[in-house]
């Protein structure tokens, strides 16, 4: 019965319009789906590897099986609630970052709070120097994968540079083609300006991937998601990727950053020294902004920042409640809040 309910899940919107100068409302039923992204903050197993000695029982973090499963349970608790105000059971599609390998993803989707949703996994090992990857989780009752590939970021002037691959997954979202690109751009280590060339390179690679998809289908619906280590108004996002924060002023081939308005309101996904950043972005091609709701279009984008995900007291009250502060285990969730959006289309 549960699967039947989910497949038929819909909601009602009221659209205001004028009839003979009198404001009226139109009531329509819509199908809805949820797509999100979550930086899981160092989801490592306890098995020693070449780049993760701190995440072992003997390492500085004393990363035991008990702590590992505590973390998995917390991640599953969050994912199961993302978007549940309109789409129960967890997002139809969820990009994730900072995962060590496929094994930790398999453990995650088999946690009791996620297993009923039947999540499947798209994952490739990246050459990142920390040994962390991006991946895609999806519910096959809603999304059918048709192709998947992982693309290296190459810096010609720095052949030894290693970071996360960009994951490109195409498929059918309730029968409609959609493309997802999962990113985790290079960090700001060494300073924002000094590290900008690496994020510029990541932005240009992401843009080339989008352009290659649109070269085949100019009306392709593409969602680029990820921890970009830059805000919606950063140069890497605006100038090099071409993502703008005003959907009404887009020029041809511009992308739309669905998180920009929230950022302008002072809402962020991570905090540092009493300042909020919104590094976790959801960026869309223009067909997803169409006023024609006969196919999937954007309804709303949000940050999932419920109180249980926040530090409840002290100097950092309101900050994301993270798993570790330094090497001290605090038992929280992640240093990032998840982001998500709803797509809608008129129910026929």
Protein backbone atom coordinates (compact mmCIF):
# COMPACT_ATOMS: atom_id res chain seq x y z
CA UNK A 1 0.00 0.00 0.00
CA UNK A 2 2.86 2.39 0.81
CA UNK A 3 4.34 2.20 -2.70
CA UNK A 4 0.90 2.84 -4.24
CA UNK A 5 0.53 5.92 -2.07
CA UNK A 6 3.93 7.28 -3.06
CA UNK A 7 3.37 6.74 -6.75
CA UNK A 8 0.10 8.63 -6.62
CA UNK A 9 1.37 11.40 -4.34
CA UNK A 10 0.21 14.83 -5.47
CA UNK A 11 -0.64 18.18 -4.03
CA UNK A 12 -2.76 21.19 -4.85
CA UNK A 13 -1.57 24.70 -5.72
CA UNK A 14 -3.63 27.85 -5.90
CA UNK A 15 -2.64 30.28 -8.67
CA UNK A 16 -3.95 33.83 -8.50
CA UNK A 17 -5.08 35.62 -11.65
CA UNK A 18 -7.40 38.44 -12.71
CA UNK A 19 -10.82 37.93 -14.24
CA UNK A 20 -12.59 41.16 -15.27
CA UNK A 21 -10.43 43.04 -12.79
CA UNK A 22 -11.32 40.72 -9.92
CA UNK A 23 -8.68 38.52 -8.32
CA UNK A 24 -9.54 34.83 -8.61
CA UNK A 25 -7.82 31.55 -7.83
CA UNK A 26 -7.25 28.49 -9.94
CA UNK A 27 -6.99 25.15 -8.18
CA UNK A 28 -4.88 22.47 -9.85
CA UNK A 29 -3.45 19.13 -8.83
CA UNK A 30 0.25 18.48 -9.36
CA UNK A 31 2.64 15.59 -9.16
CA UNK A 32 5.66 16.49 -7.06
CA UNK A 33 9.16 15.10 -6.72
CA UNK A 34 12.12 15.99 -4.52
CA UNK A 35 15.81 16.26 -5.50
CA UNK A 36 18.56 17.17 -3.04
CA UNK A 37 22.21 17.24 -2.08
CA UNK A 38 23.98 16.51 1.20
CA UNK A 39 27.63 16.77 2.22
CA UNK A 40 27.89 13.87 4.66
CA UNK A 41 31.11 15.17 6.29
CA UNK A 42 33.71 12.43 6.31
CA UNK A 43 31.66 9.28 5.99
CA UNK A 44 34.55 6.84 6.37
CA UNK A 45 34.49 3.20 7.43
CA UNK A 46 36.84 1.99 10.18
CA UNK A 47 39.13 -0.02 7.90
CA UNK A 48 42.60 1.57 7.58
CA UNK A 49 43.41 3.02 4.19
CA UNK A 50 46.30 5.01 2.73
CA UNK A 51 44.61 8.39 3.26
CA UNK A 52 42.33 7.94 6.26
CA UNK A 53 44.48 6.92 9.21
CA UNK A 54 42.64 9.38 11.46
CA UNK A 55 39.35 7.55 10.80
CA UNK A 56 40.38 4.24 12.37
CA UNK A 57 40.03 2.90 15.92
CA UNK A 58 43.70 3.64 16.55
CA UNK A 59 43.68 7.03 14.79
CA UNK A 60 43.42 10.47 16.31
CA UNK A 61 39.62 10.42 15.98
CA UNK A 62 39.27 6.97 17.59
CA UNK A 63 36.80 6.08 14.85
CA UNK A 64 35.19 2.90 16.16
CA UNK A 65 32.40 0.75 14.74
CA UNK A 66 30.06 2.17 17.37
CA UNK A 67 30.78 5.72 16.20
CA UNK A 68 30.55 4.70 12.56
CA UNK A 69 27.06 3.24 12.98
CA UNK A 70 26.04 6.21 15.08
CA UNK A 71 27.01 8.39 12.14
CA UNK A 72 25.18 6.16 9.65
CA UNK A 73 22.02 6.26 11.74
CA UNK A 74 22.20 10.05 11.91
CA UNK A 75 22.73 10.40 8.16
CA UNK A 76 19.79 8.06 7.49
CA UNK A 77 17.62 10.02 9.93
CA UNK A 78 18.31 13.25 8.02
CA UNK A 79 17.91 11.85 4.51
CA UNK A 80 14.61 10.17 5.37
CA UNK A 81 13.18 13.58 6.34
CA UNK A 82 14.46 15.76 3.50
CA UNK A 83 11.44 17.08 1.64
CA UNK A 84 8.96 15.06 3.67
CA UNK A 85 6.55 17.99 3.85
CA UNK A 86 5.61 17.17 0.24
CA UNK A 87 7.47 13.98 -0.68
CA UNK A 88 7.71 11.29 2.03
CA UNK A 89 10.42 8.68 2.30
CA UNK A 90 13.41 10.76 1.26
CA UNK A 91 14.31 12.49 -2.02
CA UNK A 92 13.78 10.67 -5.30
CA UNK A 93 17.35 11.69 -6.17
CA UNK A 94 20.06 12.71 -3.70
CA UNK A 95 23.63 13.69 -4.50
CA UNK A 96 26.14 13.17 -1.70
CA UNK A 97 29.76 14.07 -1.08
CA UNK A 98 32.57 13.18 1.33
CA UNK A 99 31.99 9.44 1.16
CA UNK A 100 34.96 7.09 1.27
CA UNK A 101 33.74 4.27 -0.97
CA UNK A 102 30.76 2.29 -2.19
CA UNK A 103 30.77 0.15 0.95
CA UNK A 104 29.81 3.04 3.23
CA UNK A 105 26.98 3.94 0.84
CA UNK A 106 25.68 0.38 0.93
CA UNK A 107 25.74 0.48 4.71
CA UNK A 108 23.91 3.81 4.62
CA UNK A 109 21.04 2.80 2.32
CA UNK A 110 20.53 -0.37 4.36
CA UNK A 111 19.99 1.52 7.61
CA UNK A 112 16.48 0.91 8.99
CA UNK A 113 15.28 4.46 8.28
CA UNK A 114 16.30 4.28 4.61
CA UNK A 115 15.94 0.64 3.63
CA UNK A 116 12.15 0.87 3.02
CA UNK A 117 12.81 3.50 0.33
CA UNK A 118 14.99 1.06 -1.65
CA UNK A 119 17.75 3.49 -2.58
CA UNK A 120 20.18 2.44 -5.32
CA UNK A 121 23.71 3.83 -5.78
CA UNK A 122 25.80 5.38 -8.54
CA UNK A 123 29.42 5.68 -7.44
CA UNK A 124 32.91 5.81 -8.93
CA UNK A 125 36.23 6.01 -7.07
CA UNK A 126 37.87 9.42 -7.41
CA UNK A 127 41.60 10.23 -7.29
CA UNK A 128 41.07 12.72 -4.45
CA UNK A 129 44.07 12.94 -2.12
CA UNK A 130 41.83 12.47 0.94
CA UNK A 131 40.12 9.45 -0.58
CA UNK A 132 36.64 10.97 -0.66
CA UNK A 133 34.14 10.77 -3.51
CA UNK A 134 30.77 12.04 -4.67
CA UNK A 135 27.88 9.71 -5.41
CA UNK A 136 24.20 9.61 -6.31
CA UNK A 137 21.46 7.83 -4.39
CA UNK A 138 18.13 7.32 -6.10
CA UNK A 139 14.79 5.62 -5.57
CA UNK A 140 14.23 3.36 -8.62
CA UNK A 141 10.44 3.57 -8.36
CA UNK A 142 10.81 7.20 -9.44
CA UNK A 143 14.12 7.46 -11.32
CA UNK A 144 15.56 5.06 -13.91
CA UNK A 145 19.25 5.49 -14.73
CA UNK A 146 20.10 5.34 -18.43
CA UNK A 147 23.78 6.40 -18.33
CA UNK A 148 26.48 7.24 -15.81
CA UNK A 149 30.07 8.42 -16.01
CA UNK A 150 32.75 10.03 -13.87
CA UNK A 151 34.90 12.85 -15.23
CA UNK A 152 38.35 13.83 -13.91
CA UNK A 153 39.27 17.45 -13.24
CA UNK A 154 42.69 17.99 -14.80
CA UNK A 155 44.85 21.05 -14.05
CA UNK A 156 47.43 21.25 -16.88
CA UNK A 157 49.81 23.45 -14.87
CA UNK A 158 49.60 21.13 -11.88
CA UNK A 159 49.54 17.50 -13.08
CA UNK A 160 49.83 16.21 -9.50
CA UNK A 161 46.62 17.95 -8.43
CA UNK A 162 43.94 15.48 -7.35
CA UNK A 163 40.37 16.14 -6.37
CA UNK A 164 36.89 14.70 -6.66
CA UNK A 165 35.54 13.62 -10.03
CA UNK A 166 32.36 15.14 -11.43
CA UNK A 167 29.61 12.54 -11.64
CA UNK A 168 27.20 12.71 -14.59
CA UNK A 169 24.02 10.63 -14.39
CA UNK A 170 21.20 10.70 -16.92
CA UNK A 171 17.87 8.99 -16.58
CA UNK A 172 14.11 9.13 -16.60
CA UNK A 173 12.33 10.85 -13.74
CA UNK A 174 8.85 9.35 -13.87
CA UNK A 175 9.41 8.85 -17.58
CA UNK A 176 10.86 12.28 -18.35
CA UNK A 177 14.56 12.72 -19.28
CA UNK A 178 16.69 14.55 -16.73
CA UNK A 179 20.43 14.92 -16.17
CA UNK A 180 22.20 15.24 -12.82
CA UNK A 181 25.80 16.39 -12.30
CA UNK A 182 27.19 15.90 -8.77
CA UNK A 183 30.14 18.09 -7.77
CA UNK A 184 32.45 18.73 -4.86
CA UNK A 185 34.77 21.50 -5.99
CA UNK A 186 38.27 22.08 -4.57
CA UNK A 187 38.39 23.64 -1.13
CA UNK A 188 39.50 27.10 -0.07
CA UNK A 189 42.59 25.72 1.59
CA UNK A 190 45.36 28.31 1.38
CA UNK A 191 42.84 31.13 1.11
CA UNK A 192 39.84 31.92 -1.08
CA UNK A 193 41.74 33.95 -3.69
CA UNK A 194 44.77 31.69 -3.83
CA UNK A 195 42.62 28.58 -4.35
CA UNK A 196 40.18 30.22 -6.81
CA UNK A 197 41.98 28.92 -9.96
CA UNK A 198 41.11 25.35 -8.93
CA UNK A 199 37.41 26.17 -8.53
CA UNK A 200 37.54 28.11 -11.79
CA UNK A 201 38.80 24.94 -13.49
CA UNK A 202 36.04 22.92 -11.82
CA UNK A 203 33.43 25.44 -12.95
CA UNK A 204 34.66 25.37 -16.54
CA UNK A 205 34.61 21.56 -16.55
CA UNK A 206 31.06 21.54 -15.16
CA UNK A 207 29.99 24.08 -17.77
CA UNK A 208 31.51 21.98 -20.55
CA UNK A 209 29.57 18.94 -19.32
CA UNK A 210 26.32 20.91 -19.35
CA UNK A 211 27.06 22.32 -22.79
CA UNK A 212 27.80 18.85 -24.16
CA UNK A 213 24.40 17.64 -22.90
CA UNK A 214 22.67 20.66 -24.41
CA UNK A 215 24.58 20.13 -27.65
CA UNK A 216 22.62 16.91 -28.09
CA UNK A 217 19.36 18.33 -26.74
CA UNK A 218 19.08 22.15 -26.49
CA UNK A 219 16.07 21.72 -24.21
CA UNK A 220 17.78 19.29 -21.86
CA UNK A 221 16.86 19.54 -18.22
CA UNK A 222 20.06 19.54 -16.19
CA UNK A 223 20.57 19.97 -12.45
CA UNK A 224 24.12 20.61 -11.27
CA UNK A 225 24.38 20.04 -7.53
CA UNK A 226 27.10 19.97 -4.98
CA UNK A 227 29.37 21.54 -2.43
CA UNK A 228 31.08 24.13 -4.63
CA UNK A 229 33.13 25.65 -1.79
CA UNK A 230 31.84 28.98 -3.11
CA UNK A 231 28.65 30.97 -2.65
CA UNK A 232 26.00 31.77 -5.29
CA UNK A 233 27.58 35.20 -5.87
CA UNK A 234 31.17 33.92 -6.11
CA UNK A 235 33.16 34.50 -9.29
CA UNK A 236 33.54 30.80 -9.99
CA UNK A 237 29.76 30.32 -9.96
CA UNK A 238 28.66 33.53 -11.70
CA UNK A 239 31.43 34.23 -14.21
CA UNK A 240 32.90 30.83 -15.04
CA UNK A 241 29.93 28.51 -14.60
CA UNK A 242 27.45 31.14 -15.76
CA UNK A 243 24.89 30.60 -12.99
CA UNK A 244 22.81 33.65 -12.11
CA UNK A 245 20.62 34.30 -9.11
CA UNK A 246 17.75 36.17 -10.78
CA UNK A 247 15.53 33.88 -12.82
CA UNK A 248 13.73 36.77 -14.54
CA UNK A 249 16.94 38.25 -16.02
CA UNK A 250 18.52 35.18 -17.54
CA UNK A 251 20.17 35.48 -20.94
CA UNK A 252 20.45 32.64 -23.42
CA UNK A 253 22.56 29.78 -22.04
CA UNK A 254 22.64 31.26 -18.53
CA UNK A 255 22.02 28.85 -15.67
CA UNK A 256 19.89 29.58 -12.61
CA UNK A 257 21.14 29.05 -9.07
CA UNK A 258 18.04 28.07 -7.14
CA UNK A 259 19.79 28.76 -3.81
CA UNK A 260 20.71 32.38 -4.55
CA UNK A 261 17.55 33.95 -3.15
CA UNK A 262 17.97 32.07 0.12
CA UNK A 263 21.58 33.25 0.30
CA UNK A 264 20.45 36.86 -0.18
CA UNK A 265 18.09 36.33 2.76
CA UNK A 266 21.06 35.39 4.95
CA UNK A 267 20.33 31.65 4.94
CA UNK A 268 23.37 29.39 4.68
CA UNK A 269 24.44 25.77 4.79
CA UNK A 270 27.60 26.15 6.87
CA UNK A 271 29.01 28.73 9.26
CA UNK A 272 32.51 29.93 10.05
CA UNK A 273 33.53 32.71 12.46
CA UNK A 274 29.96 33.97 12.83
CA UNK A 275 29.51 34.21 9.06
CA UNK A 276 27.21 32.05 6.95
CA UNK A 277 28.12 30.58 3.58
CA UNK A 278 25.92 28.72 1.15
CA UNK A 279 28.36 26.40 -0.58
CA UNK A 280 25.75 23.72 -1.33
CA UNK A 281 24.13 24.73 -4.58
CA UNK A 282 21.38 23.49 -6.89
CA UNK A 283 21.81 24.97 -10.37
CA UNK A 284 19.33 24.47 -13.21
CA UNK A 285 19.09 24.89 -16.95
CA UNK A 286 16.31 27.16 -18.19
CA UNK A 287 13.83 24.47 -19.34
CA UNK A 288 13.31 23.69 -15.64
CA UNK A 289 12.04 27.25 -15.16
CA UNK A 290 9.35 27.07 -17.82
CA UNK A 291 5.84 28.36 -17.11
CA UNK A 292 4.54 25.31 -18.95
CA UNK A 293 3.86 22.88 -16.13
CA UNK A 294 2.99 19.94 -18.34
CA UNK A 295 6.48 18.57 -17.55
CA UNK A 296 8.82 18.89 -14.56
CA UNK A 297 9.59 22.48 -13.54
CA UNK A 298 10.98 24.12 -10.42
CA UNK A 299 8.53 24.86 -7.62
CA UNK A 300 10.69 25.73 -4.63
CA UNK A 301 14.24 25.32 -3.25
CA UNK A 302 15.04 25.04 0.44
CA UNK A 303 17.76 24.46 3.02
CA UNK A 304 17.00 21.59 5.40
CA UNK A 305 18.03 23.19 8.70
CA UNK A 306 15.63 21.83 11.29
CA UNK A 307 16.58 22.47 14.95
CA UNK A 308 17.83 18.93 15.57
CA UNK A 309 20.58 19.56 12.99
CA UNK A 310 21.79 22.66 14.82
CA UNK A 311 24.14 23.14 17.73
CA UNK A 312 21.71 23.89 20.54
CA UNK A 313 23.83 25.98 22.89
CA UNK A 314 27.14 27.67 23.50
CA UNK A 315 29.28 29.85 21.30
CA UNK A 316 28.24 28.02 18.14
CA UNK A 317 24.50 27.79 18.80
CA UNK A 318 22.65 27.59 15.48
CA UNK A 319 25.67 26.26 13.58
CA UNK A 320 25.40 22.82 11.98
CA UNK A 321 25.79 20.15 14.66
CA UNK A 322 28.76 18.24 13.35
CA UNK A 323 30.23 14.81 14.12
CA UNK A 324 33.59 16.10 15.35
CA UNK A 325 35.01 19.40 16.52
CA UNK A 326 38.70 18.91 15.91
CA UNK A 327 39.36 15.42 17.18
CA UNK A 328 36.58 15.58 19.79
CA UNK A 329 33.60 13.38 18.99
CA UNK A 330 30.41 15.39 19.51
CA UNK A 331 28.00 12.87 17.96
CA UNK A 332 26.29 15.29 15.62
CA UNK A 333 25.40 15.07 11.96
CA UNK A 334 27.44 17.12 9.46
CA UNK A 335 29.11 20.51 9.18
CA UNK A 336 26.73 21.24 6.25
CA UNK A 337 22.96 21.44 6.08
CA UNK A 338 21.37 19.59 3.14
CA UNK A 339 19.68 21.46 0.30
CA UNK A 340 16.73 20.32 -1.79
CA UNK A 341 14.15 21.41 -4.30
CA UNK A 342 10.73 20.34 -5.45
CA UNK A 343 9.81 19.87 -9.09
CA UNK A 344 6.16 19.83 -10.09
CA UNK A 345 4.12 19.00 -13.14
CA UNK A 346 0.40 19.20 -13.71
CA UNK A 347 -1.39 15.95 -13.06
CA UNK A 348 -3.11 14.72 -16.19
